[in-house]
Amino acid sequence: MDTLHNAVIETQCLRRTFGDKIALDGVDMRVERGEIFGYLGPNGAGKTTTIRVLLGLIRPTSGQAWVLGHDVTGNEPGVKAKIGVVLENHGLYERLSAWDNLDYYGRIFHLPGAVLSGRIEALLYQVGLWDEKDNKVGTFSKGMKQRLALARALLHEAEILFLDEPTSGLDPETTIMIRQLILDLAHDGGRTIFLNSHNLDEVERVCSRVAILNQGRIQAMDTVENLQCQFSSPMVEVVVRNAVQAERAHAILSVLPFVTGCHCEGSHVTVHLREKNAASHILDTLVKESIPIEEMRTVNHTLEEIYLSIVHATEEEHG
């Protein structure tokens, strides 16, 4: 193992083309052990191509990628045995029971019989499917199949999990259950989760860091909190006594030089600022104008807002 590459996943100048089409255009990325890493981007951004390269399914055109310190072009079976994958197409055998599905895949990983039985039992309990162990997977709901696919990915005690849209189309109860499983696997089990999802609210809730990919390049990569600081203008929301006072506040605040935008709805006034420390001036101004303030708070842009801003800016830049 190369000591220069101790990250669980790392890429340098990763590039992949398909004929004249550039799918990946110099992707630099580093994922640390135990992280839940969100990989975001619109359809066609290059997310699936990245995963296929990291899994050793296709070779990069140029650049390098390492998983668990090993070059992905080496096609080493020992590395693949430490990786679990849950794709949107679950790949389960619907004519087999839940137990038999896991037993089949466990045998592929050459797990001894006693060890395999113990793991199957523990995982079926963990994903809430123990009572369904003898039922054919073809009778399962989409959420049940997704939970079983997650159990299969964990069967060989994988160190890294690649999850592709793990909660897409699921009911809220199952979504919450899978989300908690992901958190538990990373925080308690020490596993690294590489999460590809269009559910930005979910990503914001569970991911320690995110990367936003578009046009084959990573446009931003950091914690959600840091992205909010980097790509969002400061914003405060002021609640006054009534709608009349809100209109007064709007008229006063909207002409201030450090205010870039202002709108009101009912008794709420939202103010966009040029810089964060201007918030105190908002308070001083309203107090001087004798406008009764009931509440004032800083408002953070959501990951969805940041994501859309970055994606739209990239697309405008590329015409």
C-alpha atoms as a PDB file:
ATOM      1  CA  MET A   1       0.000   0.000   0.000  1.00  0.00           C
ATOM      2  CA  ASP A   2       1.373   3.398  -1.005  1.00  0.00           C
ATOM      3  CA  THR A   3       1.813   5.489   2.123  1.00  0.00           C
ATOM      4  CA  LEU A   4       1.166   8.654   0.084  1.00  0.00           C
ATOM      5  CA  HIS A   5      -2.413   7.568  -0.418  1.00  0.00           C
ATOM      6  CA  ASN A   6      -3.939   6.793   2.960  1.00  0.00           C
ATOM      7  CA  ALA A   7      -7.424   8.066   2.111  1.00  0.00           C
ATOM      8  CA  VAL A   8     -10.083   5.399   1.666  1.00  0.00           C
ATOM      9  CA  ILE A   9     -10.935   6.853  -1.753  1.00  0.00           C
ATOM     10  CA  GLU A  10      -8.730   9.233  -3.703  1.00  0.00           C
ATOM     11  CA  THR A  11      -8.586  10.486  -7.292  1.00  0.00           C
ATOM     12  CA  GLN A  12      -6.101  12.747  -9.035  1.00  0.00           C
ATOM     13  CA  CYS A  13      -6.797  14.405 -12.394  1.00  0.00           C
ATOM     14  CA  LEU A  14      -9.245  11.603 -13.172  1.00  0.00           C
ATOM     15  CA  ARG A  15     -10.428  11.782 -16.757  1.00  0.00           C
ATOM     16  CA  ARG A  16     -12.693   9.491 -18.754  1.00  0.00           C
ATOM     17  CA  THR A  17     -13.909   9.995 -22.292  1.00  0.00           C
ATOM     18  CA  PHE A  18     -16.286   8.012 -24.493  1.00  0.00           C
ATOM     19  CA  GLY A  19     -15.337   8.900 -28.031  1.00  0.00           C
ATOM     20  CA  ASP A  20     -15.726  12.683 -28.297  1.00  0.00           C
ATOM     21  CA  LYS A  21     -17.761  12.894 -25.097  1.00  0.00           C
ATOM     22  CA  ILE A  22     -15.925  13.933 -21.928  1.00  0.00           C
ATOM     23  CA  ALA A  23     -17.570  12.243 -18.944  1.00  0.00           C
ATOM     24  CA  LEU A  24     -14.914  13.124 -16.345  1.00  0.00           C
ATOM     25  CA  ASP A  25     -12.610  16.071 -16.840  1.00  0.00           C
ATOM     26  CA  GLY A  26      -9.909  16.123 -14.150  1.00  0.00           C
ATOM     27  CA  VAL A  27     -11.666  15.002 -10.970  1.00  0.00           C
ATOM     28  CA  ASP A  28      -9.665  15.452  -7.750  1.00  0.00           C
ATOM     29  CA  MET A  29     -11.307  13.937  -4.690  1.00  0.00           C
ATOM     30  CA  ARG A  30     -10.341  12.546  -1.301  1.00  0.00           C
ATOM     31  CA  VAL A  31     -12.640  10.599   1.053  1.00  0.00           C
ATOM     32  CA  GLU A  32     -11.493   9.762   4.566  1.00  0.00           C
ATOM     33  CA  ARG A  33     -12.310   6.653   6.581  1.00  0.00           C
ATOM     34  CA  GLY A  34     -15.644   6.809   8.406  1.00  0.00           C
ATOM     35  CA  GLU A  35     -17.018   9.668   6.302  1.00  0.00           C
ATOM     36  CA  ILE A  36     -20.480   9.786   4.801  1.00  0.00           C
ATOM     37  CA  PHE A  37     -19.560  11.471   1.540  1.00  0.00           C
ATOM     38  CA  GLY A  38     -22.320  12.872  -0.661  1.00  0.00           C
ATOM     39  CA  TYR A  39     -21.667  12.851  -4.403  1.00  0.00           C
ATOM     40  CA  LEU A  40     -24.122  15.165  -6.129  1.00  0.00           C
ATOM     41  CA  GLY A  41     -24.835  16.333  -9.631  1.00  0.00           C
ATOM     42  CA  PRO A  42     -27.479  16.441 -12.361  1.00  0.00           C
ATOM     43  CA  ASN A  43     -28.051  13.541 -14.725  1.00  0.00           C
ATOM     44  CA  GLY A  44     -25.123  13.264 -17.110  1.00  0.00           C
ATOM     45  CA  ALA A  45     -22.709  15.052 -14.771  1.00  0.00           C
ATOM     46  CA  GLY A  46     -20.405  12.023 -14.515  1.00  0.00           C
ATOM     47  CA  LYS A  47     -21.470  10.489 -11.183  1.00  0.00           C
ATOM     48  CA  THR A  48     -22.114   6.989 -12.508  1.00  0.00           C
ATOM     49  CA  THR A  49     -18.898   7.052 -14.527  1.00  0.00           C
ATOM     50  CA  THR A  50     -16.960   7.970 -11.370  1.00  0.00           C
ATOM     51  CA  ILE A  51     -18.463   5.049  -9.458  1.00  0.00           C
ATOM     52  CA  ARG A  52     -17.772   2.637 -12.310  1.00  0.00           C
ATOM     53  CA  VAL A  53     -14.127   3.727 -12.349  1.00  0.00           C
ATOM     54  CA  LEU A  54     -13.803   3.402  -8.570  1.00  0.00           C
ATOM     55  CA  LEU A  55     -15.332  -0.080  -8.689  1.00  0.00           C
ATOM     56  CA  GLY A  56     -12.857  -1.126 -11.390  1.00  0.00           C
ATOM     57  CA  LEU A  57     -15.602  -1.710 -13.962  1.00  0.00           C
ATOM     58  CA  ILE A  58     -14.072   0.705 -16.482  1.00  0.00           C
ATOM     59  CA  ARG A  59     -10.574   2.132 -16.783  1.00  0.00           C
ATOM     60  CA  PRO A  60      -9.872   5.864 -16.656  1.00  0.00           C
ATOM     61  CA  THR A  61      -8.652   7.495 -19.851  1.00  0.00           C
ATOM     62  CA  SER A  62      -6.013   9.280 -17.787  1.00  0.00           C
ATOM     63  CA  GLY A  63      -5.340  10.266 -14.195  1.00  0.00           C
ATOM     64  CA  GLN A  64      -5.365   7.954 -11.199  1.00  0.00           C
ATOM     65  CA  ALA A  65      -7.758   6.587  -8.608  1.00  0.00           C
ATOM     66  CA  TRP A  66      -7.146   4.593  -5.450  1.00  0.00           C
ATOM     67  CA  VAL A  67      -9.541   2.657  -3.228  1.00  0.00           C
ATOM     68  CA  LEU A  68      -8.179   1.528   0.140  1.00  0.00           C
ATOM     69  CA  GLY A  69      -4.727   2.561  -1.081  1.00  0.00           C
ATOM     70  CA  HIS A  70      -4.813   0.356  -4.170  1.00  0.00           C
ATOM     71  CA  ASP A  71      -4.849   1.532  -7.769  1.00  0.00           C
ATOM     72  CA  VAL A  72      -8.299   0.742  -9.183  1.00  0.00           C
ATOM     73  CA  THR A  73      -6.757  -0.411 -12.468  1.00  0.00           C
ATOM     74  CA  GLY A  74      -5.060  -3.268 -10.608  1.00  0.00           C
ATOM     75  CA  ASN A  75      -8.338  -5.237 -10.420  1.00  0.00           C
ATOM     76  CA  GLU A  76      -7.312  -6.786  -7.093  1.00  0.00           C
ATOM     77  CA  PRO A  77      -9.922  -9.231  -5.714  1.00  0.00           C
ATOM     78  CA  GLY A  78      -8.823  -8.499  -2.142  1.00  0.00           C
ATOM     79  CA  VAL A  79      -9.933  -4.876  -2.527  1.00  0.00           C
ATOM     80  CA  LYS A  80     -13.270  -5.761  -4.097  1.00  0.00           C
ATOM     81  CA  ALA A  81     -13.988  -8.061  -1.163  1.00  0.00           C
ATOM     82  CA  LYS A  82     -13.915  -4.985   1.094  1.00  0.00           C
ATOM     83  CA  ILE A  83     -16.474  -3.049  -0.968  1.00  0.00           C
ATOM     84  CA  GLY A  84     -20.270  -3.236  -0.759  1.00  0.00           C
ATOM     85  CA  VAL A  85     -22.557  -1.806  -3.430  1.00  0.00           C
ATOM     86  CA  VAL A  86     -26.274  -0.972  -3.432  1.00  0.00           C
ATOM     87  CA  LEU A  87     -27.515   0.181  -6.822  1.00  0.00           C
ATOM     88  CA  GLU A  88     -30.956   1.471  -7.717  1.00  0.00           C
ATOM     89  CA  ASN A  89     -31.434  -1.834  -9.574  1.00  0.00           C
ATOM     90  CA  HIS A  90     -31.191  -4.096  -6.509  1.00  0.00           C
ATOM     91  CA  GLY A  91     -30.182  -7.296  -8.381  1.00  0.00           C
ATOM     92  CA  LEU A  92     -31.925  -9.645  -5.921  1.00  0.00           C
ATOM     93  CA  TYR A  93     -33.344 -13.014  -6.911  1.00  0.00           C
ATOM     94  CA  GLU A  94     -37.092 -12.588  -6.575  1.00  0.00           C
ATOM     95  CA  ARG A  95     -37.913 -16.317  -6.616  1.00  0.00           C
ATOM     96  CA  LEU A  96     -35.702 -16.900  -3.593  1.00  0.00           C
ATOM     97  CA  SER A  97     -36.522 -16.015   0.006  1.00  0.00           C
ATOM     98  CA  ALA A  98     -34.750 -13.213   1.858  1.00  0.00           C
ATOM     99  CA  TRP A  99     -32.658 -15.773   3.727  1.00  0.00           C
ATOM    100  CA  ASP A 100     -31.745 -17.711   0.582  1.00  0.00           C
ATOM    101  CA  ASN A 101     -30.703 -14.520  -1.218  1.00  0.00           C
ATOM    102  CA  LEU A 102     -28.240 -13.669   1.526  1.00  0.00           C
ATOM    103  CA  ASP A 103     -27.098 -17.281   1.799  1.00  0.00           C
ATOM    104  CA  TYR A 104     -26.392 -17.377  -1.949  1.00  0.00           C
ATOM    105  CA  TYR A 105     -24.321 -14.185  -1.904  1.00  0.00           C
ATOM    106  CA  GLY A 106     -22.553 -15.251   1.286  1.00  0.00           C
ATOM    107  CA  ARG A 107     -21.365 -18.406  -0.423  1.00  0.00           C
ATOM    108  CA  ILE A 108     -20.013 -16.316  -3.306  1.00  0.00           C
ATOM    109  CA  PHE A 109     -17.860 -14.536  -0.716  1.00  0.00           C
ATOM    110  CA  HIS A 110     -16.792 -17.971   0.628  1.00  0.00           C
ATOM    111  CA  LEU A 111     -18.102 -17.290   4.118  1.00  0.00           C
ATOM    112  CA  PRO A 112     -18.025 -20.418   6.351  1.00  0.00           C
ATOM    113  CA  GLY A 113     -21.475 -21.871   7.071  1.00  0.00           C
ATOM    114  CA  ALA A 114     -21.642 -21.059  10.786  1.00  0.00           C
ATOM    115  CA  VAL A 115     -20.318 -17.520  10.263  1.00  0.00           C
ATOM    116  CA  LEU A 116     -22.694 -16.965   7.358  1.00  0.00           C
ATOM    117  CA  SER A 117     -25.790 -18.077   9.276  1.00  0.00           C
ATOM    118  CA  GLY A 118     -24.926 -15.799  12.167  1.00  0.00           C
ATOM    119  CA  ARG A 119     -24.409 -12.805   9.927  1.00  0.00           C
ATOM    120  CA  ILE A 120     -27.623 -13.405   7.989  1.00  0.00           C
ATOM    121  CA  GLU A 121     -29.627 -13.558  11.205  1.00  0.00           C
ATOM    122  CA  ALA A 122     -28.002 -10.408  12.603  1.00  0.00           C
ATOM    123  CA  LEU A 123     -28.456  -8.437   9.386  1.00  0.00           C
ATOM    124  CA  LEU A 124     -32.078  -9.450   8.886  1.00  0.00           C
ATOM    125  CA  TYR A 125     -32.796  -8.182  12.392  1.00  0.00           C
ATOM    126  CA  GLN A 126     -30.808  -5.021  11.713  1.00  0.00           C
ATOM    127  CA  VAL A 127     -32.791  -4.128   8.592  1.00  0.00           C
ATOM    128  CA  GLY A 128     -36.118  -5.158  10.098  1.00  0.00           C
ATOM    129  CA  LEU A 129     -36.743  -8.199   7.889  1.00  0.00           C
ATOM    130  CA  TRP A 130     -36.355 -11.121  10.288  1.00  0.00           C
ATOM    131  CA  ASP A 131     -40.061 -11.916  10.222  1.00  0.00           C
ATOM    132  CA  GLU A 132     -39.910 -11.980   6.398  1.00  0.00           C
ATOM    133  CA  LYS A 133     -36.875 -14.260   6.160  1.00  0.00           C
ATOM    134  CA  ASP A 134     -38.745 -17.174   4.567  1.00  0.00           C
ATOM    135  CA  ASN A 135     -40.847 -15.109   2.142  1.00  0.00           C
ATOM    136  CA  LYS A 136     -39.951 -14.770  -1.516  1.00  0.00           C
ATOM    137  CA  VAL A 137     -38.397 -11.438  -2.428  1.00  0.00           C
ATOM    138  CA  GLY A 138     -40.832 -11.093  -5.321  1.00  0.00           C
ATOM    139  CA  THR A 139     -43.582 -10.394  -2.782  1.00  0.00           C
ATOM    140  CA  PHE A 140     -41.589  -7.578  -1.106  1.00  0.00           C
ATOM    141  CA  SER A 141     -42.250  -3.862  -1.432  1.00  0.00           C
ATOM    142  CA  LYS A 142     -39.572  -1.646  -2.976  1.00  0.00           C
ATOM    143  CA  GLY A 143     -38.498  -0.507   0.475  1.00  0.00           C
ATOM    144  CA  MET A 144     -38.124  -4.074   1.745  1.00  0.00           C
ATOM    145  CA  LYS A 145     -36.028  -4.989  -1.297  1.00  0.00           C
ATOM    146  CA  GLN A 146     -33.817  -1.967  -0.702  1.00  0.00           C
ATOM    147  CA  ARG A 147     -33.283  -2.958   2.928  1.00  0.00           C
ATOM    148  CA  LEU A 148     -32.396  -6.499   1.870  1.00  0.00           C
ATOM    149  CA  ALA A 149     -29.966  -5.149  -0.733  1.00  0.00           C
ATOM    150  CA  LEU A 150     -28.310  -3.128   2.010  1.00  0.00           C
ATOM    151  CA  ALA A 151     -28.029  -6.265   4.156  1.00  0.00           C
ATOM    152  CA  ARG A 152     -26.435  -8.090   1.225  1.00  0.00           C
ATOM    153  CA  ALA A 153     -23.862  -5.287   0.822  1.00  0.00           C
ATOM    154  CA  LEU A 154     -22.932  -5.675   4.489  1.00  0.00           C
ATOM    155  CA  LEU A 155     -22.774  -9.460   4.481  1.00  0.00           C
ATOM    156  CA  HIS A 156     -19.017  -9.667   3.946  1.00  0.00           C
ATOM    157  CA  GLU A 157     -18.318  -6.789   6.380  1.00  0.00           C
ATOM    158  CA  ALA A 158     -17.391  -4.308   3.659  1.00  0.00           C
ATOM    159  CA  GLU A 159     -15.266  -1.336   4.691  1.00  0.00           C
ATOM    160  CA  ILE A 160     -16.732   0.946   2.008  1.00  0.00           C
ATOM    161  CA  LEU A 161     -20.343   1.147   0.859  1.00  0.00           C
ATOM    162  CA  PHE A 162     -21.274   2.688  -2.467  1.00  0.00           C
ATOM    163  CA  LEU A 163     -24.958   3.643  -2.270  1.00  0.00           C
ATOM    164  CA  ASP A 164     -26.754   4.808  -5.405  1.00  0.00           C
ATOM    165  CA  GLU A 165     -30.076   6.540  -4.619  1.00  0.00           C
ATOM    166  CA  PRO A 166     -30.725   4.280  -1.585  1.00  0.00           C
ATOM    167  CA  THR A 167     -34.072   5.903  -0.661  1.00  0.00           C
ATOM    168  CA  SER A 168     -35.405   6.812  -4.109  1.00  0.00           C
ATOM    169  CA  GLY A 169     -39.161   6.248  -4.316  1.00  0.00           C
ATOM    170  CA  LEU A 170     -39.484   4.879  -0.784  1.00  0.00           C
ATOM    171  CA  ASP A 171     -42.156   5.726   1.775  1.00  0.00           C
ATOM    172  CA  PRO A 172     -41.178   8.130   4.582  1.00  0.00           C
ATOM    173  CA  GLU A 173     -40.966   5.410   7.254  1.00  0.00           C
ATOM    174  CA  THR A 174     -38.558   3.271   5.216  1.00  0.00           C
ATOM    175  CA  THR A 175     -36.572   6.345   4.190  1.00  0.00           C
ATOM    176  CA  ILE A 176     -36.049   7.294   7.840  1.00  0.00           C
ATOM    177  CA  MET A 177     -35.045   3.718   8.713  1.00  0.00           C
ATOM    178  CA  ILE A 178     -32.444   3.486   5.919  1.00  0.00           C
ATOM    179  CA  ARG A 179     -31.141   6.962   6.750  1.00  0.00           C
ATOM    180  CA  GLN A 180     -30.596   5.885  10.365  1.00  0.00           C
ATOM    181  CA  LEU A 181     -28.897   2.685   9.215  1.00  0.00           C
ATOM    182  CA  ILE A 182     -26.477   4.750   7.123  1.00  0.00           C
ATOM    183  CA  LEU A 183     -25.663   6.955  10.110  1.00  0.00           C
ATOM    184  CA  ASP A 184     -25.169   3.940  12.380  1.00  0.00           C
ATOM    185  CA  LEU A 185     -22.903   2.177   9.898  1.00  0.00           C
ATOM    186  CA  ALA A 186     -20.594   5.172   9.689  1.00  0.00           C
ATOM    187  CA  HIS A 187     -20.664   6.406  13.271  1.00  0.00           C
ATOM    188  CA  ASP A 188     -20.792   3.064  15.109  1.00  0.00           C
ATOM    189  CA  GLY A 189     -19.404   0.678  12.522  1.00  0.00           C
ATOM    190  CA  GLY A 190     -16.641   2.939  11.213  1.00  0.00           C
ATOM    191  CA  ARG A 191     -17.578   2.277   7.606  1.00  0.00           C
ATOM    192  CA  THR A 192     -17.098   4.784   4.828  1.00  0.00           C
ATOM    193  CA  ILE A 193     -20.247   5.617   2.853  1.00  0.00           C
ATOM    194  CA  PHE A 194     -20.075   7.016  -0.683  1.00  0.00           C
ATOM    195  CA  LEU A 195     -23.609   8.269  -1.245  1.00  0.00           C
ATOM    196  CA  ASN A 196     -24.983   9.250  -4.632  1.00  0.00           C
ATOM    197  CA  SER A 197     -28.417  10.827  -4.200  1.00  0.00           C
ATOM    198  CA  HIS A 198     -30.782  13.418  -5.658  1.00  0.00           C
ATOM    199  CA  ASN A 199     -32.463  13.733  -2.259  1.00  0.00           C
ATOM    200  CA  LEU A 200     -30.594  16.842  -1.138  1.00  0.00           C
ATOM    201  CA  ASP A 201     -32.473  17.116   2.143  1.00  0.00           C
ATOM    202  CA  GLU A 202     -31.273  13.619   3.008  1.00  0.00           C
ATOM    203  CA  VAL A 203     -27.704  14.420   1.976  1.00  0.00           C
ATOM    204  CA  GLU A 204     -27.753  17.544   4.132  1.00  0.00           C
ATOM    205  CA  ARG A 205     -28.943  15.477   7.106  1.00  0.00           C
ATOM    206  CA  VAL A 206     -26.440  12.624   6.925  1.00  0.00           C
ATOM    207  CA  CYS A 207     -23.307  13.635   5.002  1.00  0.00           C
ATOM    208  CA  SER A 208     -20.149  14.916   6.655  1.00  0.00           C
ATOM    209  CA  ARG A 209     -18.946  16.350   3.328  1.00  0.00           C
ATOM    210  CA  VAL A 210     -20.347  16.721  -0.172  1.00  0.00           C
ATOM    211  CA  ALA A 211     -18.977  17.179  -3.671  1.00  0.00           C
ATOM    212  CA  ILE A 212     -21.033  18.819  -6.417  1.00  0.00           C
ATOM    213  CA  LEU A 213     -20.153  17.501  -9.865  1.00  0.00           C
ATOM    214  CA  ASN A 214     -21.205  19.080 -13.155  1.00  0.00           C
ATOM    215  CA  GLN A 215     -19.817  19.056 -16.677  1.00  0.00           C
ATOM    216  CA  GLY A 216     -17.442  16.290 -15.559  1.00  0.00           C
ATOM    217  CA  ARG A 217     -15.738  18.503 -12.964  1.00  0.00           C
ATOM    218  CA  ILE A 218     -16.131  18.926  -9.219  1.00  0.00           C
ATOM    219  CA  GLN A 219     -17.455  22.464  -8.851  1.00  0.00           C
ATOM    220  CA  ALA A 220     -17.446  22.486  -5.035  1.00  0.00           C
ATOM    221  CA  MET A 221     -16.402  20.103  -2.252  1.00  0.00           C
ATOM    222  CA  ASP A 222     -16.667  20.785   1.484  1.00  0.00           C
ATOM    223  CA  THR A 223     -18.927  20.430   4.500  1.00  0.00           C
ATOM    224  CA  VAL A 224     -22.461  21.755   4.046  1.00  0.00           C
ATOM    225  CA  GLU A 225     -21.748  24.439   6.637  1.00  0.00           C
ATOM    226  CA  ASN A 226     -18.671  25.662   4.781  1.00  0.00           C
ATOM    227  CA  LEU A 227     -20.506  25.632   1.453  1.00  0.00           C
ATOM    228  CA  GLN A 228     -23.189  27.804   3.021  1.00  0.00           C
ATOM    229  CA  CYS A 229     -20.493  30.326   3.909  1.00  0.00           C
ATOM    230  CA  GLN A 230     -18.768  30.144   0.522  1.00  0.00           C
ATOM    231  CA  PHE A 231     -21.700  30.183  -1.876  1.00  0.00           C
ATOM    232  CA  SER A 232     -24.480  31.974   0.002  1.00  0.00           C
ATOM    233  CA  SER A 233     -24.974  35.649   0.661  1.00  0.00           C
ATOM    234  CA  PRO A 234     -25.730  36.387   4.349  1.00  0.00           C
ATOM    235  CA  MET A 235     -29.442  36.563   5.076  1.00  0.00           C
ATOM    236  CA  VAL A 236     -31.527  37.497   8.113  1.00  0.00           C
ATOM    237  CA  GLU A 237     -35.230  37.237   8.821  1.00  0.00           C
ATOM    238  CA  VAL A 238     -36.933  39.838  10.970  1.00  0.00           C
ATOM    239  CA  VAL A 239     -40.343  39.294  12.550  1.00  0.00           C
ATOM    240  CA  VAL A 240     -42.175  42.499  13.508  1.00  0.00           C
ATOM    241  CA  ARG A 241     -45.517  43.141  15.192  1.00  0.00           C
ATOM    242  CA  ASN A 242     -47.771  43.172  12.113  1.00  0.00           C
ATOM    243  CA  ALA A 243     -47.904  43.503   8.327  1.00  0.00           C
ATOM    244  CA  VAL A 244     -48.049  47.293   8.451  1.00  0.00           C
ATOM    245  CA  GLN A 245     -44.817  47.464  10.438  1.00  0.00           C
ATOM    246  CA  ALA A 246     -43.278  44.911   8.059  1.00  0.00           C
ATOM    247  CA  GLU A 247     -44.001  47.187   5.091  1.00  0.00           C
ATOM    248  CA  ARG A 248     -42.349  50.082   6.956  1.00  0.00           C
ATOM    249  CA  ALA A 249     -39.323  47.939   7.730  1.00  0.00           C
ATOM    250  CA  HIS A 250     -39.115  46.811   4.097  1.00  0.00           C
ATOM    251  CA  ALA A 251     -39.153  50.397   2.829  1.00  0.00           C
ATOM    252  CA  ILE A 252     -36.409  51.444   5.276  1.00  0.00           C
ATOM    253  CA  LEU A 253     -34.132  48.426   4.850  1.00  0.00           C
ATOM    254  CA  SER A 254     -34.331  47.980   1.082  1.00  0.00           C
ATOM    255  CA  VAL A 255     -32.490  51.281   0.421  1.00  0.00           C
ATOM    256  CA  LEU A 256     -29.573  50.625   2.781  1.00  0.00           C
ATOM    257  CA  PRO A 257     -26.197  50.295   0.988  1.00  0.00           C
ATOM    258  CA  PHE A 258     -25.301  46.977   2.636  1.00  0.00           C
ATOM    259  CA  VAL A 259     -28.637  45.342   1.658  1.00  0.00           C
ATOM    260  CA  THR A 260     -28.686  43.464  -1.665  1.00  0.00           C
ATOM    261  CA  GLY A 261     -32.311  42.360  -1.528  1.00  0.00           C
ATOM    262  CA  CYS A 262     -35.354  42.640   0.708  1.00  0.00           C
ATOM    263  CA  HIS A 263     -38.893  41.280   0.647  1.00  0.00           C
ATOM    264  CA  CYS A 264     -41.702  40.889   3.143  1.00  0.00           C
ATOM    265  CA  GLU A 265     -44.554  38.470   3.647  1.00  0.00           C
ATOM    266  CA  GLY A 266     -47.040  39.158   6.405  1.00  0.00           C
ATOM    267  CA  SER A 267     -45.070  40.247   9.454  1.00  0.00           C
ATOM    268  CA  HIS A 268     -41.818  38.631   8.197  1.00  0.00           C
ATOM    269  CA  VAL A 269     -39.091  40.596   6.429  1.00  0.00           C
ATOM    270  CA  THR A 270     -36.219  38.731   4.756  1.00  0.00           C
ATOM    271  CA  VAL A 271     -33.056  40.739   4.135  1.00  0.00           C
ATOM    272  CA  HIS A 272     -30.061  39.731   1.979  1.00  0.00           C
ATOM    273  CA  LEU A 273     -26.793  41.343   3.063  1.00  0.00           C
ATOM    274  CA  ARG A 274     -23.463  42.062   1.399  1.00  0.00           C
ATOM    275  CA  GLU A 275     -21.587  40.764   4.427  1.00  0.00           C
ATOM    276  CA  LYS A 276     -22.441  38.829   7.569  1.00  0.00           C
ATOM    277  CA  ASN A 277     -21.512  41.508  10.118  1.00  0.00           C
ATOM    278  CA  ALA A 278     -24.080  43.865   8.584  1.00  0.00           C
ATOM    279  CA  ALA A 279     -26.813  42.050  10.539  1.00  0.00           C
ATOM    280  CA  SER A 280     -26.181  44.229  13.610  1.00  0.00           C
ATOM    281  CA  HIS A 281     -26.845  47.332  11.507  1.00  0.00           C
ATOM    282  CA  ILE A 282     -30.268  45.958  10.600  1.00  0.00           C
ATOM    283  CA  LEU A 283     -31.172  45.747  14.262  1.00  0.00           C
ATOM    284  CA  ASP A 284     -29.814  49.237  15.035  1.00  0.00           C
ATOM    285  CA  THR A 285     -31.700  50.761  12.116  1.00  0.00           C
ATOM    286  CA  LEU A 286     -35.062  49.258  13.074  1.00  0.00           C
ATOM    287  CA  VAL A 287     -34.658  50.231  16.722  1.00  0.00           C
ATOM    288  CA  LYS A 288     -33.890  53.837  15.744  1.00  0.00           C
ATOM    289  CA  GLU A 289     -37.013  53.891  13.564  1.00  0.00           C
ATOM    290  CA  SER A 290     -39.110  52.597  16.515  1.00  0.00           C
ATOM    291  CA  ILE A 291     -40.196  49.476  14.664  1.00  0.00           C
ATOM    292  CA  PRO A 292     -41.133  46.797  17.235  1.00  0.00           C
ATOM    293  CA  ILE A 293     -39.037  43.651  16.637  1.00  0.00           C
ATOM    294  CA  GLU A 294     -40.368  40.361  17.961  1.00  0.00           C
ATOM    295  CA  GLU A 295     -37.622  38.142  16.555  1.00  0.00           C
ATOM    296  CA  MET A 296     -34.523  38.331  14.372  1.00  0.00           C
ATOM    297  CA  ARG A 297     -32.527  35.331  13.176  1.00  0.00           C
ATOM    298  CA  THR A 298     -29.851  34.384  10.677  1.00  0.00           C
ATOM    299  CA  VAL A 299     -31.137  32.213   7.828  1.00  0.00           C
ATOM    300  CA  ASN A 300     -28.876  29.651   6.145  1.00  0.00           C
ATOM    301  CA  HIS A 301     -29.431  28.658   2.561  1.00  0.00           C
ATOM    302  CA  THR A 302     -30.303  24.986   2.145  1.00  0.00           C
ATOM    303  CA  LEU A 303     -28.016  22.566   0.333  1.00  0.00           C
ATOM    304  CA  GLU A 304     -30.643  22.440  -2.420  1.00  0.00           C
ATOM    305  CA  GLU A 305     -30.386  26.201  -2.970  1.00  0.00           C
ATOM    306  CA  ILE A 306     -26.576  26.070  -3.005  1.00  0.00           C
ATOM    307  CA  TYR A 307     -26.601  23.066  -5.353  1.00  0.00           C
ATOM    308  CA  LEU A 308     -28.968  24.732  -7.839  1.00  0.00           C
ATOM    309  CA  SER A 309     -26.956  27.950  -7.734  1.00  0.00           C
ATOM    310  CA  ILE A 310     -23.694  26.129  -8.516  1.00  0.00           C
ATOM    311  CA  VAL A 311     -25.208  23.920 -11.230  1.00  0.00           C
ATOM    312  CA  HIS A 312     -26.951  26.826 -12.974  1.00  0.00           C
ATOM    313  CA  ALA A 313     -23.809  28.951 -12.846  1.00  0.00           C
ATOM    314  CA  THR A 314     -21.777  26.132 -14.416  1.00  0.00           C
ATOM    315  CA  GLU A 315     -24.303  25.572 -17.177  1.00  0.00           C
ATOM    316  CA  GLU A 316     -24.417  29.312 -18.005  1.00  0.00           C
ATOM    317  CA  GLU A 317     -20.618  29.375 -18.122  1.00  0.00           C
ATOM    318  CA  HIS A 318     -20.597  26.524 -20.638  1.00  0.00           C
ATOM    319  CA  GLY A 319     -23.417  28.033 -22.691  1.00  0.00           C
END
